[in-house]
Amino acid sequence: MVWVSGTQGSVTPRSALPGRRARVVATLAILLAGVCGGLIGYALVDVSCSGDCGWQLGVGTLIGAVASASGVATVASLTLRAMHEWRTTSRAGSGLALRRGRRRSR
C-alpha cells in the first residue's frame, strides 16, 4: 500500500511498524518485568532453601526473569498489533465514509 503526502508526486511507503515511542515503552516494560521476575525468583529460592544454595538461587533468578519477561513480551506484542490494526481500521473507515458521503451528495 502506498500513500501520497502533501506534495504531488512524492510517494512514501506505509510501514507496519508501530511508532518509535510505543516500541521503546514496550521494550522497557519487558526489561522491567524481567528484573522484577528475577528478584521474585531469587527471593522465593532464598526463603525456601537452607544451606549452600548458590546454583539454586541462580536457577530461580533465571526462571523468574525469563517467565515474567516472556509473559510481558506476549502482552506487549499483542498490544502493539492491536494498536496498528486500530489505526489502520480507523483510517480505512474514515476514507470509506468520505467516499460514501461524496456519492450521496451527487
N, C-alpha and C. Protein backbone atom coordinates (compact mmCIF):
# COMPACT_ATOMS: atom_id res chain seq x y z
N MET A 1 0.83 -1.17 0.00
CA MET A 1 0.00 0.00 0.00
C MET A 1 0.88 1.23 0.00
N VAL A 2 0.42 2.25 -0.72
CA VAL A 2 1.19 3.47 -0.85
C VAL A 2 0.28 4.65 -0.58
N TRP A 3 0.79 5.65 0.08
CA TRP A 3 0.02 6.86 0.30
C TRP A 3 0.82 8.03 -0.20
N VAL A 4 0.14 9.06 -0.60
CA VAL A 4 0.78 10.25 -1.17
C VAL A 4 0.77 11.34 -0.12
N SER A 5 1.92 11.94 0.10
CA SER A 5 1.99 13.02 1.08
C SER A 5 1.52 14.32 0.43
N GLY A 6 1.70 15.44 1.11
CA GLY A 6 1.16 16.73 0.69
C GLY A 6 1.56 17.17 -0.71
N THR A 7 2.80 16.97 -1.12
CA THR A 7 3.21 17.42 -2.44
C THR A 7 2.88 16.37 -3.48
N GLN A 8 2.57 16.84 -4.66
CA GLN A 8 2.17 15.92 -5.71
C GLN A 8 3.39 15.18 -6.24
N GLY A 9 3.28 13.88 -6.32
CA GLY A 9 4.34 13.07 -6.89
C GLY A 9 5.27 12.43 -5.89
N SER A 10 5.35 12.90 -4.66
CA SER A 10 6.21 12.25 -3.69
C SER A 10 5.43 11.11 -3.03
N VAL A 11 5.91 9.90 -3.21
CA VAL A 11 5.22 8.72 -2.71
C VAL A 11 6.08 8.09 -1.63
N THR A 12 5.46 7.81 -0.49
CA THR A 12 6.16 7.19 0.64
C THR A 12 5.46 5.89 1.00
N PRO A 13 6.20 4.78 1.13
CA PRO A 13 5.55 3.53 1.51
C PRO A 13 5.10 3.56 2.96
N ARG A 14 3.96 2.94 3.25
CA ARG A 14 3.45 2.85 4.61
C ARG A 14 4.17 1.74 5.34
N SER A 15 4.41 1.96 6.59
CA SER A 15 5.11 0.98 7.42
C SER A 15 4.14 0.29 8.36
N ALA A 16 4.37 -1.00 8.58
CA ALA A 16 3.54 -1.75 9.53
C ALA A 16 4.10 -1.67 10.95
N LEU A 17 5.24 -1.03 11.11
CA LEU A 17 5.84 -0.91 12.44
C LEU A 17 5.08 0.08 13.30
N PRO A 18 4.96 -0.21 14.58
CA PRO A 18 4.36 0.79 15.48
C PRO A 18 5.34 1.94 15.66
N GLY A 19 4.89 3.00 16.27
CA GLY A 19 5.73 4.17 16.47
C GLY A 19 6.94 3.86 17.36
N ARG A 20 7.94 4.72 17.24
CA ARG A 20 9.18 4.52 18.00
C ARG A 20 8.92 4.57 19.50
N ARG A 21 8.07 5.50 19.93
CA ARG A 21 7.78 5.63 21.36
C ARG A 21 7.09 4.37 21.89
N ALA A 22 6.18 3.81 21.13
CA ALA A 22 5.48 2.59 21.57
C ALA A 22 6.45 1.42 21.69
N ARG A 23 7.38 1.31 20.74
CA ARG A 23 8.36 0.22 20.81
C ARG A 23 9.31 0.39 21.98
N VAL A 24 9.71 1.63 22.28
CA VAL A 24 10.60 1.88 23.42
C VAL A 24 9.88 1.55 24.73
N VAL A 25 8.64 1.97 24.86
CA VAL A 25 7.87 1.69 26.08
C VAL A 25 7.69 0.18 26.25
N ALA A 26 7.40 -0.53 25.16
CA ALA A 26 7.24 -1.99 25.24
C ALA A 26 8.55 -2.66 25.66
N THR A 27 9.66 -2.22 25.10
CA THR A 27 10.96 -2.79 25.46
C THR A 27 11.29 -2.54 26.92
N LEU A 28 11.05 -1.32 27.38
CA LEU A 28 11.32 -1.01 28.80
C LEU A 28 10.42 -1.82 29.73
N ALA A 29 9.17 -2.04 29.33
CA ALA A 29 8.27 -2.85 30.15
C ALA A 29 8.76 -4.30 30.23
N ILE A 30 9.26 -4.83 29.13
CA ILE A 30 9.78 -6.20 29.12
C ILE A 30 11.01 -6.31 30.01
N LEU A 31 11.91 -5.34 29.90
CA LEU A 31 13.12 -5.36 30.74
C LEU A 31 12.78 -5.23 32.23
N LEU A 32 11.86 -4.32 32.56
CA LEU A 32 11.45 -4.15 33.95
C LEU A 32 10.81 -5.41 34.50
N ALA A 33 9.98 -6.06 33.68
CA ALA A 33 9.35 -7.32 34.11
C ALA A 33 10.39 -8.40 34.33
N GLY A 34 11.41 -8.44 33.48
CA GLY A 34 12.48 -9.43 33.67
C GLY A 34 13.23 -9.22 34.97
N VAL A 35 13.53 -7.98 35.28
CA VAL A 35 14.24 -7.67 36.54
C VAL A 35 13.37 -8.03 37.74
N CYS A 36 12.11 -7.63 37.69
CA CYS A 36 11.21 -7.94 38.81
C CYS A 36 11.00 -9.45 38.97
N GLY A 37 10.84 -10.16 37.87
CA GLY A 37 10.69 -11.62 37.93
C GLY A 37 11.93 -12.30 38.48
N GLY A 38 13.10 -11.78 38.09
CA GLY A 38 14.35 -12.32 38.62
C GLY A 38 14.47 -12.11 40.12
N LEU A 39 14.07 -10.94 40.58
CA LEU A 39 14.10 -10.67 42.03
C LEU A 39 13.13 -11.57 42.78
N ILE A 40 11.95 -11.78 42.21
CA ILE A 40 10.97 -12.66 42.86
C ILE A 40 11.47 -14.10 42.89
N GLY A 41 12.06 -14.56 41.78
CA GLY A 41 12.61 -15.92 41.76
C GLY A 41 13.74 -16.10 42.76
N TYR A 42 14.61 -15.09 42.86
CA TYR A 42 15.70 -15.14 43.83
C TYR A 42 15.15 -15.19 45.26
N ALA A 43 14.20 -14.32 45.56
CA ALA A 43 13.63 -14.27 46.91
C ALA A 43 12.91 -15.55 47.28
N LEU A 44 12.20 -16.13 46.31
CA LEU A 44 11.48 -17.38 46.57
C LEU A 44 12.44 -18.51 46.93
N VAL A 45 13.52 -18.62 46.17
CA VAL A 45 14.50 -19.68 46.47
C VAL A 45 15.24 -19.35 47.77
N ASP A 46 15.56 -18.10 48.00
CA ASP A 46 16.28 -17.71 49.21
C ASP A 46 15.49 -18.05 50.46
N VAL A 47 14.17 -17.86 50.42
CA VAL A 47 13.33 -18.15 51.59
C VAL A 47 13.17 -19.65 51.79
N SER A 48 13.07 -20.41 50.71
CA SER A 48 12.75 -21.83 50.83
C SER A 48 13.97 -22.74 50.91
N CYS A 49 15.16 -22.24 50.68
CA CYS A 49 16.35 -23.09 50.67
C CYS A 49 17.21 -22.83 51.92
N SER A 50 17.82 -23.88 52.44
CA SER A 50 18.72 -23.72 53.58
C SER A 50 20.06 -24.34 53.23
N GLY A 51 21.13 -23.76 53.76
CA GLY A 51 22.46 -24.27 53.47
C GLY A 51 23.06 -23.55 52.27
N ASP A 52 23.92 -24.29 51.53
CA ASP A 52 24.57 -23.73 50.35
C ASP A 52 23.62 -23.82 49.16
N CYS A 53 23.09 -22.71 48.72
CA CYS A 53 22.08 -22.69 47.65
C CYS A 53 22.52 -21.83 46.48
N GLY A 54 23.78 -21.84 46.16
CA GLY A 54 24.29 -20.96 45.10
C GLY A 54 23.66 -21.19 43.74
N TRP A 55 23.69 -22.42 43.27
CA TRP A 55 23.16 -22.68 41.92
C TRP A 55 21.63 -22.63 41.91
N GLN A 56 21.00 -22.98 43.03
CA GLN A 56 19.53 -22.89 43.11
C GLN A 56 19.07 -21.43 43.00
N LEU A 57 19.81 -20.53 43.64
CA LEU A 57 19.48 -19.11 43.54
C LEU A 57 19.59 -18.62 42.10
N GLY A 58 20.62 -19.06 41.42
CA GLY A 58 20.80 -18.68 40.02
C GLY A 58 19.69 -19.21 39.12
N VAL A 59 19.32 -20.47 39.34
CA VAL A 59 18.25 -21.07 38.53
C VAL A 59 16.91 -20.39 38.83
N GLY A 60 16.64 -20.11 40.10
CA GLY A 60 15.40 -19.42 40.46
C GLY A 60 15.33 -18.03 39.86
N THR A 61 16.46 -17.32 39.88
CA THR A 61 16.51 -15.99 39.28
C THR A 61 16.28 -16.05 37.78
N LEU A 62 16.93 -16.99 37.12
CA LEU A 62 16.80 -17.13 35.67
C LEU A 62 15.38 -17.52 35.26
N ILE A 63 14.81 -18.48 35.94
CA ILE A 63 13.45 -18.92 35.61
C ILE A 63 12.44 -17.79 35.85
N GLY A 64 12.58 -17.10 36.97
CA GLY A 64 11.67 -15.99 37.25
C GLY A 64 11.78 -14.87 36.22
N ALA A 65 13.02 -14.54 35.84
CA ALA A 65 13.22 -13.46 34.87
C ALA A 65 12.68 -13.84 33.49
N VAL A 66 12.96 -15.04 33.04
CA VAL A 66 12.51 -15.47 31.71
C VAL A 66 10.99 -15.61 31.66
N ALA A 67 10.42 -16.17 32.70
CA ALA A 67 8.97 -16.37 32.72
C ALA A 67 8.22 -15.04 32.70
N SER A 68 8.63 -14.11 33.54
CA SER A 68 7.91 -12.84 33.59
C SER A 68 8.17 -11.99 32.35
N ALA A 69 9.40 -12.00 31.84
CA ALA A 69 9.70 -11.21 30.64
C ALA A 69 8.96 -11.77 29.42
N SER A 70 8.86 -13.09 29.32
CA SER A 70 8.15 -13.67 28.18
C SER A 70 6.65 -13.38 28.26
N GLY A 71 6.09 -13.38 29.45
CA GLY A 71 4.67 -13.04 29.60
C GLY A 71 4.38 -11.60 29.21
N VAL A 72 5.22 -10.68 29.67
CA VAL A 72 5.03 -9.28 29.32
C VAL A 72 5.32 -9.05 27.84
N ALA A 73 6.28 -9.78 27.27
CA ALA A 73 6.56 -9.65 25.84
C ALA A 73 5.36 -10.09 25.00
N THR A 74 4.67 -11.13 25.43
CA THR A 74 3.48 -11.58 24.72
C THR A 74 2.39 -10.52 24.76
N VAL A 75 2.16 -9.96 25.93
CA VAL A 75 1.13 -8.92 26.06
C VAL A 75 1.53 -7.68 25.27
N ALA A 76 2.80 -7.29 25.32
CA ALA A 76 3.26 -6.11 24.58
C ALA A 76 3.12 -6.32 23.08
N SER A 77 3.46 -7.49 22.60
CA SER A 77 3.33 -7.78 21.17
C SER A 77 1.88 -7.71 20.72
N LEU A 78 0.98 -8.29 21.49
CA LEU A 78 -0.44 -8.24 21.14
C LEU A 78 -0.97 -6.81 21.20
N THR A 79 -0.49 -6.03 22.16
CA THR A 79 -0.92 -4.64 22.28
C THR A 79 -0.45 -3.82 21.08
N LEU A 80 0.80 -3.99 20.67
CA LEU A 80 1.31 -3.26 19.52
C LEU A 80 0.58 -3.64 18.24
N ARG A 81 0.26 -4.91 18.09
CA ARG A 81 -0.51 -5.34 16.91
C ARG A 81 -1.91 -4.74 16.93
N ALA A 82 -2.54 -4.72 18.09
CA ALA A 82 -3.88 -4.15 18.20
C ALA A 82 -3.86 -2.65 17.92
N MET A 83 -2.83 -1.95 18.38
CA MET A 83 -2.71 -0.53 18.10
C MET A 83 -2.59 -0.28 16.60
N HIS A 84 -1.78 -1.09 15.93
CA HIS A 84 -1.61 -0.95 14.48
C HIS A 84 -2.91 -1.24 13.74
N GLU A 85 -3.59 -2.30 14.15
CA GLU A 85 -4.85 -2.65 13.49
C GLU A 85 -5.90 -1.57 13.73
N TRP A 86 -5.94 -1.01 14.92
CA TRP A 86 -6.90 0.03 15.23
C TRP A 86 -6.65 1.27 14.38
N ARG A 87 -5.38 1.65 14.22
CA ARG A 87 -5.04 2.81 13.39
C ARG A 87 -5.39 2.56 11.93
N THR A 88 -5.07 1.37 11.43
CA THR A 88 -5.35 1.03 10.04
C THR A 88 -6.85 1.01 9.79
N THR A 89 -7.61 0.43 10.70
CA THR A 89 -9.06 0.34 10.54
C THR A 89 -9.70 1.72 10.61
N SER A 90 -9.25 2.56 11.52
CA SER A 90 -9.85 3.90 11.64
C SER A 90 -9.53 4.74 10.42
N ARG A 91 -8.34 4.60 9.84
CA ARG A 91 -8.01 5.34 8.62
C ARG A 91 -8.83 4.84 7.44
N ALA A 92 -8.95 3.52 7.33
CA ALA A 92 -9.71 2.96 6.22
C ALA A 92 -11.19 3.31 6.37
N GLY A 93 -11.70 3.29 7.58
CA GLY A 93 -13.09 3.62 7.82
C GLY A 93 -13.39 5.07 7.50
N SER A 94 -12.49 5.98 7.83
CA SER A 94 -12.72 7.39 7.55
C SER A 94 -12.68 7.64 6.05
N GLY A 95 -11.81 6.95 5.33
CA GLY A 95 -11.77 7.08 3.88
C GLY A 95 -13.03 6.55 3.24
N LEU A 96 -13.54 5.45 3.76
CA LEU A 96 -14.77 4.87 3.24
C LEU A 96 -15.95 5.79 3.49
N ALA A 97 -15.99 6.41 4.67
CA ALA A 97 -17.08 7.33 4.97
C ALA A 97 -17.02 8.55 4.06
N LEU A 98 -15.82 9.01 3.74
CA LEU A 98 -15.71 10.14 2.84
C LEU A 98 -16.20 9.79 1.44
N ARG A 99 -15.83 8.60 0.97
CA ARG A 99 -16.28 8.18 -0.36
C ARG A 99 -17.79 8.01 -0.39
N ARG A 100 -18.38 7.44 0.64
CA ARG A 100 -19.83 7.27 0.68
C ARG A 100 -20.54 8.62 0.73
N GLY A 101 -19.99 9.56 1.49
CA GLY A 101 -20.58 10.89 1.58
C GLY A 101 -20.55 11.61 0.26
N ARG A 102 -19.51 11.46 -0.51
CA ARG A 102 -19.42 12.10 -1.82
C ARG A 102 -20.42 11.51 -2.78
N ARG A 103 -20.63 10.21 -2.70
CA ARG A 103 -21.58 9.57 -3.61
C ARG A 103 -22.99 10.04 -3.31
N ARG A 104 -23.32 10.20 -2.05
CA ARG A 104 -24.67 10.63 -1.68
C ARG A 104 -24.93 12.08 -2.08
N SER A 105 -23.90 12.92 -2.03
CA SER A 105 -24.11 14.32 -2.32
C SER A 105 -24.30 14.57 -3.81
N ARG A 106 -23.93 13.67 -4.65
CA ARG A 106 -24.07 13.87 -6.09
C ARG A 106 -25.44 13.69 -6.50
